[in-house]
N, C-alpha and C. Protein backbone atom coordinates (compact mmCIF):
# COMPACT_ATOMS: atom_id res chain seq x y z
N UNK A 1 -122.37 -109.09 31.20
CA UNK A 1 -122.07 -107.83 31.84
C UNK A 1 -122.72 -107.82 33.23
N UNK A 2 -121.95 -107.52 34.25
CA UNK A 2 -122.45 -107.57 35.62
C UNK A 2 -122.88 -106.22 36.18
N UNK A 3 -122.61 -105.13 35.45
CA UNK A 3 -122.99 -103.80 35.90
C UNK A 3 -123.67 -103.06 34.76
N UNK A 4 -124.56 -102.16 35.10
CA UNK A 4 -125.21 -101.30 34.12
C UNK A 4 -125.32 -99.90 34.71
N UNK A 5 -125.08 -98.90 33.89
CA UNK A 5 -125.19 -97.50 34.28
C UNK A 5 -126.37 -96.90 33.54
N UNK A 6 -127.13 -96.06 34.21
CA UNK A 6 -128.25 -95.36 33.57
C UNK A 6 -128.23 -93.90 33.95
N UNK A 7 -128.81 -93.08 33.09
CA UNK A 7 -128.99 -91.67 33.44
C UNK A 7 -130.39 -91.24 33.03
N UNK A 8 -130.90 -90.24 33.71
CA UNK A 8 -132.23 -89.74 33.45
C UNK A 8 -132.30 -88.25 33.64
N UNK A 9 -133.31 -87.67 33.02
CA UNK A 9 -133.54 -86.22 33.10
C UNK A 9 -135.04 -85.99 33.06
N UNK A 10 -135.51 -85.01 33.81
CA UNK A 10 -136.91 -84.61 33.71
C UNK A 10 -137.02 -83.13 34.03
N UNK A 11 -138.08 -82.53 33.52
CA UNK A 11 -138.36 -81.12 33.74
C UNK A 11 -139.87 -80.93 33.85
N UNK A 12 -140.28 -80.02 34.72
CA UNK A 12 -141.69 -79.66 34.83
C UNK A 12 -141.81 -78.15 34.98
N UNK A 13 -142.86 -77.65 34.40
CA UNK A 13 -143.20 -76.24 34.56
C UNK A 13 -143.72 -76.03 35.98
N UNK A 14 -143.45 -74.86 36.53
CA UNK A 14 -143.97 -74.50 37.84
C UNK A 14 -145.16 -73.55 37.67
N UNK A 15 -146.14 -73.69 38.57
CA UNK A 15 -147.30 -72.80 38.55
C UNK A 15 -147.73 -72.50 39.99
N UNK A 16 -148.29 -71.34 40.18
CA UNK A 16 -148.77 -70.92 41.51
C UNK A 16 -149.86 -71.86 42.01
N UNK A 17 -149.82 -72.10 43.33
CA UNK A 17 -150.90 -72.79 44.00
C UNK A 17 -150.90 -74.30 43.91
N UNK A 18 -149.92 -74.89 43.24
CA UNK A 18 -149.83 -76.35 43.15
C UNK A 18 -148.87 -76.88 44.21
N UNK A 19 -149.08 -78.11 44.68
CA UNK A 19 -148.13 -78.69 45.65
C UNK A 19 -146.80 -79.00 44.98
N UNK A 20 -145.72 -78.85 45.74
CA UNK A 20 -144.38 -79.18 45.25
C UNK A 20 -143.88 -80.41 45.99
N UNK A 21 -143.68 -81.48 45.23
CA UNK A 21 -143.17 -82.74 45.78
C UNK A 21 -141.87 -83.06 45.07
N UNK A 22 -140.81 -83.24 45.84
CA UNK A 22 -139.49 -83.54 45.29
C UNK A 22 -138.86 -84.67 46.10
N UNK A 23 -138.43 -85.70 45.42
CA UNK A 23 -137.82 -86.83 46.12
C UNK A 23 -138.76 -87.49 47.09
N UNK A 24 -140.07 -87.43 46.80
CA UNK A 24 -141.06 -88.03 47.67
C UNK A 24 -141.43 -87.21 48.89
N UNK A 25 -140.93 -85.96 48.95
CA UNK A 25 -141.15 -85.10 50.11
C UNK A 25 -141.92 -83.85 49.68
N UNK A 26 -142.96 -83.52 50.41
CA UNK A 26 -143.73 -82.29 50.13
C UNK A 26 -142.93 -81.10 50.67
N UNK A 27 -142.64 -80.15 49.78
CA UNK A 27 -141.83 -78.98 50.11
C UNK A 27 -142.73 -77.75 50.16
N UNK A 28 -142.73 -77.01 51.25
CA UNK A 28 -143.54 -75.79 51.30
C UNK A 28 -143.02 -74.76 50.28
N UNK A 29 -143.89 -74.33 49.39
CA UNK A 29 -143.53 -73.34 48.38
C UNK A 29 -144.81 -72.80 47.75
N UNK A 30 -144.73 -71.64 47.17
CA UNK A 30 -145.91 -71.02 46.54
C UNK A 30 -146.22 -71.63 45.19
N UNK A 31 -145.26 -72.34 44.60
CA UNK A 31 -145.44 -72.95 43.29
C UNK A 31 -145.21 -74.45 43.38
N UNK A 32 -145.84 -75.16 42.43
CA UNK A 32 -145.65 -76.59 42.32
C UNK A 32 -145.58 -76.99 40.86
N UNK A 33 -145.34 -78.25 40.61
CA UNK A 33 -145.14 -78.75 39.25
C UNK A 33 -146.46 -79.03 38.54
N UNK A 34 -146.52 -78.55 37.31
CA UNK A 34 -147.63 -78.86 36.42
C UNK A 34 -147.35 -80.25 35.85
N UNK A 35 -148.25 -81.20 36.11
CA UNK A 35 -147.98 -82.58 35.69
C UNK A 35 -149.24 -83.42 35.74
N UNK A 36 -149.20 -84.54 35.05
CA UNK A 36 -150.29 -85.52 35.07
C UNK A 36 -150.28 -86.28 36.41
N UNK A 37 -149.08 -86.57 36.91
CA UNK A 37 -148.92 -87.25 38.20
C UNK A 37 -148.75 -86.19 39.27
N UNK A 38 -148.05 -86.53 40.36
CA UNK A 38 -147.75 -85.52 41.38
C UNK A 38 -146.62 -84.59 40.96
N UNK A 39 -145.99 -84.85 39.80
CA UNK A 39 -144.97 -83.96 39.26
C UNK A 39 -143.62 -84.03 39.94
N UNK A 40 -143.32 -85.12 40.61
CA UNK A 40 -142.05 -85.25 41.32
C UNK A 40 -140.91 -85.44 40.31
N UNK A 41 -140.35 -84.33 39.90
CA UNK A 41 -139.33 -84.31 38.84
C UNK A 41 -138.11 -85.15 39.21
N UNK A 42 -137.77 -85.20 40.48
CA UNK A 42 -136.60 -85.97 40.91
C UNK A 42 -136.85 -87.48 40.76
N UNK A 43 -138.00 -87.94 41.20
CA UNK A 43 -138.31 -89.36 41.05
C UNK A 43 -138.48 -89.72 39.59
N UNK A 44 -139.04 -88.84 38.79
CA UNK A 44 -139.20 -89.13 37.36
C UNK A 44 -137.84 -89.29 36.68
N UNK A 45 -136.90 -88.43 36.99
CA UNK A 45 -135.55 -88.56 36.43
C UNK A 45 -134.90 -89.86 36.92
N UNK A 46 -135.12 -90.20 38.18
CA UNK A 46 -134.56 -91.43 38.74
C UNK A 46 -135.17 -92.66 38.07
N UNK A 47 -136.47 -92.66 37.85
CA UNK A 47 -137.10 -93.77 37.14
C UNK A 47 -136.50 -93.93 35.75
N UNK A 48 -136.29 -92.82 35.04
CA UNK A 48 -135.69 -92.88 33.71
C UNK A 48 -134.27 -93.45 33.76
N UNK A 49 -133.50 -93.07 34.76
CA UNK A 49 -132.14 -93.61 34.90
C UNK A 49 -132.17 -95.11 35.12
N UNK A 50 -133.03 -95.56 36.02
CA UNK A 50 -133.13 -96.99 36.33
C UNK A 50 -133.62 -97.78 35.13
N UNK A 51 -134.65 -97.28 34.46
CA UNK A 51 -135.16 -97.96 33.26
C UNK A 51 -134.11 -97.97 32.16
N UNK A 52 -133.42 -96.87 31.98
CA UNK A 52 -132.41 -96.76 30.93
C UNK A 52 -131.23 -97.70 31.14
N UNK A 53 -130.89 -97.96 32.39
CA UNK A 53 -129.75 -98.84 32.67
C UNK A 53 -129.96 -100.22 32.07
N UNK A 54 -131.19 -100.65 32.00
CA UNK A 54 -131.49 -101.98 31.45
C UNK A 54 -132.17 -101.89 30.09
N UNK A 55 -132.12 -100.71 29.47
CA UNK A 55 -132.72 -100.49 28.15
C UNK A 55 -134.21 -100.85 28.14
N UNK A 56 -134.92 -100.44 29.19
CA UNK A 56 -136.35 -100.69 29.33
C UNK A 56 -137.20 -99.53 28.83
N UNK A 57 -136.61 -98.58 28.12
CA UNK A 57 -137.37 -97.42 27.67
C UNK A 57 -137.38 -96.34 28.73
N UNK A 58 -138.44 -95.52 28.71
CA UNK A 58 -138.51 -94.40 29.65
C UNK A 58 -139.82 -94.43 30.44
N UNK A 59 -139.93 -93.51 31.36
CA UNK A 59 -141.08 -93.48 32.26
C UNK A 59 -142.39 -93.28 31.51
N UNK A 60 -142.37 -92.49 30.45
CA UNK A 60 -143.58 -92.26 29.67
C UNK A 60 -144.07 -93.50 28.95
N UNK A 61 -143.17 -94.37 28.61
CA UNK A 61 -143.52 -95.63 27.95
C UNK A 61 -144.27 -96.56 28.91
N UNK A 62 -143.82 -96.59 30.16
CA UNK A 62 -144.41 -97.49 31.15
C UNK A 62 -145.60 -96.88 31.89
N UNK A 63 -145.58 -95.56 32.06
CA UNK A 63 -146.61 -94.85 32.82
C UNK A 63 -147.07 -93.62 32.02
N UNK A 64 -147.79 -93.82 30.92
CA UNK A 64 -148.13 -92.72 30.02
C UNK A 64 -149.01 -91.64 30.66
N UNK A 65 -148.75 -90.40 30.32
CA UNK A 65 -149.54 -89.29 30.86
C UNK A 65 -150.90 -89.17 30.18
N UNK A 66 -151.20 -90.10 29.31
CA UNK A 66 -152.52 -90.16 28.68
C UNK A 66 -153.44 -91.15 29.40
N UNK A 67 -152.91 -91.84 30.40
CA UNK A 67 -153.67 -92.86 31.11
C UNK A 67 -154.28 -92.30 32.40
N UNK A 68 -155.58 -92.50 32.57
CA UNK A 68 -156.25 -92.07 33.80
C UNK A 68 -155.69 -92.79 35.02
N UNK A 69 -155.14 -93.98 34.83
CA UNK A 69 -154.57 -94.76 35.93
C UNK A 69 -153.49 -93.98 36.67
N UNK A 70 -152.77 -93.12 35.95
CA UNK A 70 -151.64 -92.42 36.55
C UNK A 70 -151.93 -90.95 36.86
N UNK A 71 -153.17 -90.54 36.69
CA UNK A 71 -153.56 -89.16 36.98
C UNK A 71 -153.42 -88.88 38.48
N UNK A 72 -152.56 -87.94 38.84
CA UNK A 72 -152.35 -87.56 40.23
C UNK A 72 -151.61 -88.59 41.07
N UNK A 73 -151.06 -89.62 40.44
CA UNK A 73 -150.41 -90.70 41.19
C UNK A 73 -149.18 -90.21 41.95
N UNK A 74 -148.98 -90.78 43.11
CA UNK A 74 -147.78 -90.53 43.91
C UNK A 74 -146.60 -91.18 43.18
N UNK A 75 -145.60 -90.40 42.85
CA UNK A 75 -144.47 -90.91 42.07
C UNK A 75 -143.68 -91.99 42.80
N UNK A 76 -143.81 -92.06 44.12
CA UNK A 76 -143.16 -93.15 44.86
C UNK A 76 -143.71 -94.50 44.40
N UNK A 77 -144.97 -94.53 44.02
CA UNK A 77 -145.58 -95.77 43.50
C UNK A 77 -144.92 -96.14 42.18
N UNK A 78 -144.68 -95.16 41.32
CA UNK A 78 -144.01 -95.42 40.05
C UNK A 78 -142.61 -95.97 40.28
N UNK A 79 -141.89 -95.35 41.22
CA UNK A 79 -140.53 -95.81 41.54
C UNK A 79 -140.56 -97.23 42.09
N UNK A 80 -141.52 -97.54 42.94
CA UNK A 80 -141.66 -98.90 43.47
C UNK A 80 -141.83 -99.90 42.34
N UNK A 81 -142.64 -99.55 41.36
CA UNK A 81 -142.88 -100.45 40.22
C UNK A 81 -141.63 -100.62 39.36
N UNK A 82 -140.89 -99.54 39.17
CA UNK A 82 -139.64 -99.62 38.39
C UNK A 82 -138.63 -100.52 39.11
N UNK A 83 -138.49 -100.33 40.41
CA UNK A 83 -137.56 -101.15 41.20
C UNK A 83 -137.97 -102.63 41.11
N UNK A 84 -139.26 -102.91 41.15
CA UNK A 84 -139.73 -104.30 41.03
C UNK A 84 -139.35 -104.88 39.67
N UNK A 85 -139.49 -104.10 38.60
CA UNK A 85 -139.10 -104.58 37.26
C UNK A 85 -137.63 -104.96 37.22
N UNK A 86 -136.80 -104.13 37.86
CA UNK A 86 -135.36 -104.37 37.88
C UNK A 86 -135.04 -105.66 38.64
N UNK A 87 -135.64 -105.81 39.81
CA UNK A 87 -135.36 -106.97 40.65
C UNK A 87 -135.90 -108.26 40.03
N UNK A 88 -137.04 -108.18 39.37
CA UNK A 88 -137.60 -109.36 38.71
C UNK A 88 -136.67 -109.93 37.65
N UNK A 89 -135.81 -109.08 37.13
CA UNK A 89 -134.88 -109.50 36.07
C UNK A 89 -133.48 -109.79 36.61
N UNK A 90 -133.35 -109.87 37.94
CA UNK A 90 -132.09 -110.30 38.54
C UNK A 90 -131.07 -109.20 38.78
N UNK A 91 -131.53 -107.96 38.86
CA UNK A 91 -130.62 -106.84 39.11
C UNK A 91 -130.95 -106.17 40.43
N UNK A 92 -129.97 -105.47 40.98
CA UNK A 92 -130.20 -104.67 42.17
C UNK A 92 -129.51 -103.32 42.01
N UNK A 93 -129.97 -102.37 42.77
CA UNK A 93 -129.45 -101.01 42.70
C UNK A 93 -128.22 -100.91 43.60
N UNK A 94 -127.08 -100.55 43.01
CA UNK A 94 -125.86 -100.33 43.80
C UNK A 94 -125.88 -98.93 44.42
N UNK A 95 -126.17 -97.92 43.60
CA UNK A 95 -126.30 -96.56 44.11
C UNK A 95 -126.99 -95.67 43.09
N UNK A 96 -127.50 -94.55 43.57
CA UNK A 96 -128.08 -93.53 42.70
C UNK A 96 -127.53 -92.17 43.10
N UNK A 97 -127.43 -91.29 42.12
CA UNK A 97 -126.94 -89.93 42.33
C UNK A 97 -127.86 -88.99 41.58
N UNK A 98 -128.43 -88.00 42.27
CA UNK A 98 -129.39 -87.10 41.65
C UNK A 98 -129.01 -85.64 41.89
N UNK A 99 -129.47 -84.78 40.99
CA UNK A 99 -129.26 -83.34 41.13
C UNK A 99 -130.54 -82.61 40.73
N UNK A 100 -131.01 -81.75 41.61
CA UNK A 100 -132.15 -80.88 41.33
C UNK A 100 -131.64 -79.51 40.92
N UNK A 101 -132.27 -78.89 39.93
CA UNK A 101 -131.94 -77.53 39.50
C UNK A 101 -133.16 -76.66 39.74
N UNK A 102 -133.04 -75.74 40.70
CA UNK A 102 -134.15 -74.84 41.05
C UNK A 102 -133.59 -73.58 41.69
N UNK A 103 -134.14 -72.46 41.32
CA UNK A 103 -133.74 -71.21 41.96
C UNK A 103 -134.32 -71.15 43.38
N UNK A 104 -135.59 -71.50 43.49
CA UNK A 104 -136.30 -71.53 44.76
C UNK A 104 -137.25 -72.71 44.71
N UNK A 105 -137.57 -73.29 45.82
CA UNK A 105 -137.12 -73.00 47.17
C UNK A 105 -135.74 -73.60 47.43
N UNK A 106 -135.16 -73.25 48.54
CA UNK A 106 -133.90 -73.87 48.94
C UNK A 106 -134.17 -75.33 49.30
N UNK A 107 -133.36 -76.20 48.76
CA UNK A 107 -133.58 -77.64 48.89
C UNK A 107 -132.80 -78.24 50.06
N UNK A 108 -131.71 -77.62 50.45
CA UNK A 108 -130.81 -78.19 51.46
C UNK A 108 -131.53 -78.69 52.73
N UNK A 109 -132.52 -77.95 53.25
CA UNK A 109 -133.17 -78.43 54.48
C UNK A 109 -133.93 -79.76 54.31
N UNK A 110 -134.17 -80.18 53.09
CA UNK A 110 -134.98 -81.37 52.82
C UNK A 110 -134.18 -82.54 52.26
N UNK A 111 -132.90 -82.34 52.03
CA UNK A 111 -132.09 -83.35 51.36
C UNK A 111 -132.05 -84.67 52.14
N UNK A 112 -131.81 -84.63 53.41
CA UNK A 112 -131.74 -85.88 54.19
C UNK A 112 -133.08 -86.61 54.15
N UNK A 113 -134.17 -85.90 54.28
CA UNK A 113 -135.48 -86.53 54.24
C UNK A 113 -135.73 -87.16 52.86
N UNK A 114 -135.32 -86.48 51.79
CA UNK A 114 -135.45 -87.04 50.45
C UNK A 114 -134.63 -88.31 50.31
N UNK A 115 -133.39 -88.27 50.78
CA UNK A 115 -132.52 -89.45 50.71
C UNK A 115 -133.14 -90.61 51.45
N UNK A 116 -133.65 -90.36 52.65
CA UNK A 116 -134.25 -91.41 53.45
C UNK A 116 -135.50 -91.97 52.77
N UNK A 117 -136.30 -91.10 52.21
CA UNK A 117 -137.53 -91.54 51.53
C UNK A 117 -137.20 -92.39 50.31
N UNK A 118 -136.28 -91.92 49.48
CA UNK A 118 -135.90 -92.66 48.29
C UNK A 118 -135.26 -94.00 48.65
N UNK A 119 -134.40 -94.00 49.66
CA UNK A 119 -133.76 -95.25 50.09
C UNK A 119 -134.81 -96.26 50.55
N UNK A 120 -135.79 -95.79 51.29
CA UNK A 120 -136.85 -96.68 51.77
C UNK A 120 -137.65 -97.26 50.60
N UNK A 121 -138.02 -96.42 49.65
CA UNK A 121 -138.81 -96.89 48.50
C UNK A 121 -138.02 -97.90 47.68
N UNK A 122 -136.71 -97.65 47.50
CA UNK A 122 -135.88 -98.55 46.69
C UNK A 122 -135.32 -99.72 47.50
N UNK A 123 -135.52 -99.70 48.82
CA UNK A 123 -135.02 -100.73 49.73
C UNK A 123 -133.50 -100.89 49.61
N UNK A 124 -132.81 -99.74 49.65
CA UNK A 124 -131.35 -99.73 49.65
C UNK A 124 -130.88 -98.82 50.79
N UNK A 125 -129.63 -98.95 51.23
CA UNK A 125 -129.14 -98.10 52.31
C UNK A 125 -129.13 -96.62 51.91
N UNK A 126 -129.39 -95.77 52.88
CA UNK A 126 -129.44 -94.33 52.62
C UNK A 126 -128.09 -93.81 52.12
N UNK A 127 -127.00 -94.47 52.52
CA UNK A 127 -125.69 -94.00 52.04
C UNK A 127 -125.43 -94.39 50.58
N UNK A 128 -126.39 -95.03 49.95
CA UNK A 128 -126.31 -95.35 48.51
C UNK A 128 -127.18 -94.40 47.69
N UNK A 129 -127.73 -93.38 48.34
CA UNK A 129 -128.62 -92.42 47.69
C UNK A 129 -128.05 -91.01 47.88
N UNK A 130 -127.75 -90.36 46.77
CA UNK A 130 -127.26 -88.98 46.80
C UNK A 130 -128.31 -88.05 46.21
N UNK A 131 -128.59 -86.97 46.92
CA UNK A 131 -129.46 -85.91 46.42
C UNK A 131 -128.70 -84.60 46.59
N UNK A 132 -128.52 -83.92 45.47
CA UNK A 132 -127.85 -82.63 45.48
C UNK A 132 -128.77 -81.61 44.83
N UNK A 133 -128.52 -80.34 45.09
CA UNK A 133 -129.32 -79.29 44.48
C UNK A 133 -128.44 -78.11 44.14
N UNK A 134 -128.83 -77.40 43.10
CA UNK A 134 -128.10 -76.20 42.70
C UNK A 134 -129.08 -75.20 42.09
N UNK A 135 -128.72 -73.95 42.18
CA UNK A 135 -129.48 -72.93 41.46
C UNK A 135 -128.82 -72.77 40.09
N UNK A 136 -129.44 -72.00 39.24
CA UNK A 136 -128.82 -71.71 37.95
C UNK A 136 -128.43 -70.24 37.87
N UNK A 137 -128.20 -69.64 39.04
CA UNK A 137 -127.76 -68.24 39.13
C UNK A 137 -128.68 -67.32 38.34
N UNK A 138 -129.99 -67.58 38.48
CA UNK A 138 -131.05 -66.78 37.83
C UNK A 138 -131.05 -66.89 36.31
N UNK A 139 -130.36 -67.90 35.75
CA UNK A 139 -130.35 -68.11 34.31
C UNK A 139 -131.35 -69.19 33.92
N UNK A 140 -131.89 -69.08 32.72
CA UNK A 140 -132.79 -70.09 32.17
C UNK A 140 -134.12 -70.16 32.89
N UNK A 141 -134.94 -71.16 32.49
CA UNK A 141 -136.28 -71.29 33.06
C UNK A 141 -136.24 -71.61 34.55
N UNK A 142 -135.21 -72.36 35.01
CA UNK A 142 -135.10 -72.61 36.44
C UNK A 142 -134.80 -71.30 37.17
N UNK A 143 -133.87 -70.54 36.63
CA UNK A 143 -133.49 -69.27 37.25
C UNK A 143 -134.61 -68.26 37.31
N UNK A 144 -135.50 -68.30 36.32
CA UNK A 144 -136.67 -67.40 36.30
C UNK A 144 -137.83 -67.97 37.09
N UNK A 145 -137.62 -69.14 37.70
CA UNK A 145 -138.63 -69.83 38.50
C UNK A 145 -139.86 -70.21 37.67
N UNK A 146 -139.63 -70.53 36.41
CA UNK A 146 -140.70 -70.99 35.52
C UNK A 146 -140.79 -72.52 35.53
N UNK A 147 -139.70 -73.17 35.91
CA UNK A 147 -139.66 -74.62 35.90
C UNK A 147 -138.59 -75.14 36.82
N UNK A 148 -138.58 -76.45 36.96
CA UNK A 148 -137.60 -77.14 37.79
C UNK A 148 -137.18 -78.40 37.04
N UNK A 149 -135.92 -78.78 37.14
CA UNK A 149 -135.46 -79.98 36.45
C UNK A 149 -134.58 -80.81 37.36
N UNK A 150 -134.36 -82.05 36.92
CA UNK A 150 -133.54 -82.97 37.71
C UNK A 150 -132.80 -83.92 36.79
N UNK A 151 -131.60 -84.29 37.23
CA UNK A 151 -130.78 -85.30 36.58
C UNK A 151 -130.59 -86.45 37.57
N UNK A 152 -130.48 -87.65 37.04
CA UNK A 152 -130.22 -88.80 37.90
C UNK A 152 -129.31 -89.79 37.18
N UNK A 153 -128.45 -90.43 37.94
CA UNK A 153 -127.59 -91.51 37.45
C UNK A 153 -127.72 -92.67 38.41
N UNK A 154 -127.52 -93.88 37.87
CA UNK A 154 -127.59 -95.05 38.74
C UNK A 154 -126.60 -96.09 38.28
N UNK A 155 -126.24 -96.95 39.20
CA UNK A 155 -125.43 -98.12 38.90
C UNK A 155 -126.22 -99.34 39.37
N UNK A 156 -126.43 -100.27 38.46
CA UNK A 156 -127.08 -101.53 38.79
C UNK A 156 -126.06 -102.65 38.75
N UNK A 157 -126.25 -103.64 39.60
CA UNK A 157 -125.38 -104.81 39.57
C UNK A 157 -126.24 -106.06 39.54
N UNK A 158 -125.73 -107.06 38.83
CA UNK A 158 -126.46 -108.32 38.74
C UNK A 158 -126.41 -109.04 40.09
N UNK A 159 -127.51 -109.60 40.49
CA UNK A 159 -127.58 -110.32 41.77
C UNK A 159 -126.98 -111.69 41.62
């Protein structure tokens, strides 16, 4: 098989006074993600998609939240490690597609910066990285601003 598809999902609770990092970009907001790492829900979903494409398990298996090594870690480092695992096994990333679900803050002003950051970390062209965002029309935990979630899909191709 020369292609593999993966999908990922992650969710984090939001709390007042914490930094909000999404797609490797610090977003000004009154709330941030409660997490063992920096709580970058978008990168966590992306890592799960990439790992899942090759049946490598999930992000928690490789970077457990019980390990002091990953306490407060920049999620871009986790993504770098996942990409290295993929490349070591003869695969490359064809493209990724992600969606953030959040009522606030508005994500649109940061989408290009997120795409550029993710593309740089994965060493792929920016036009192979999609970042989209949507609200949930005030429904559910995202709509009540209690949490934020992300979905990611990827296509890998054998080198």
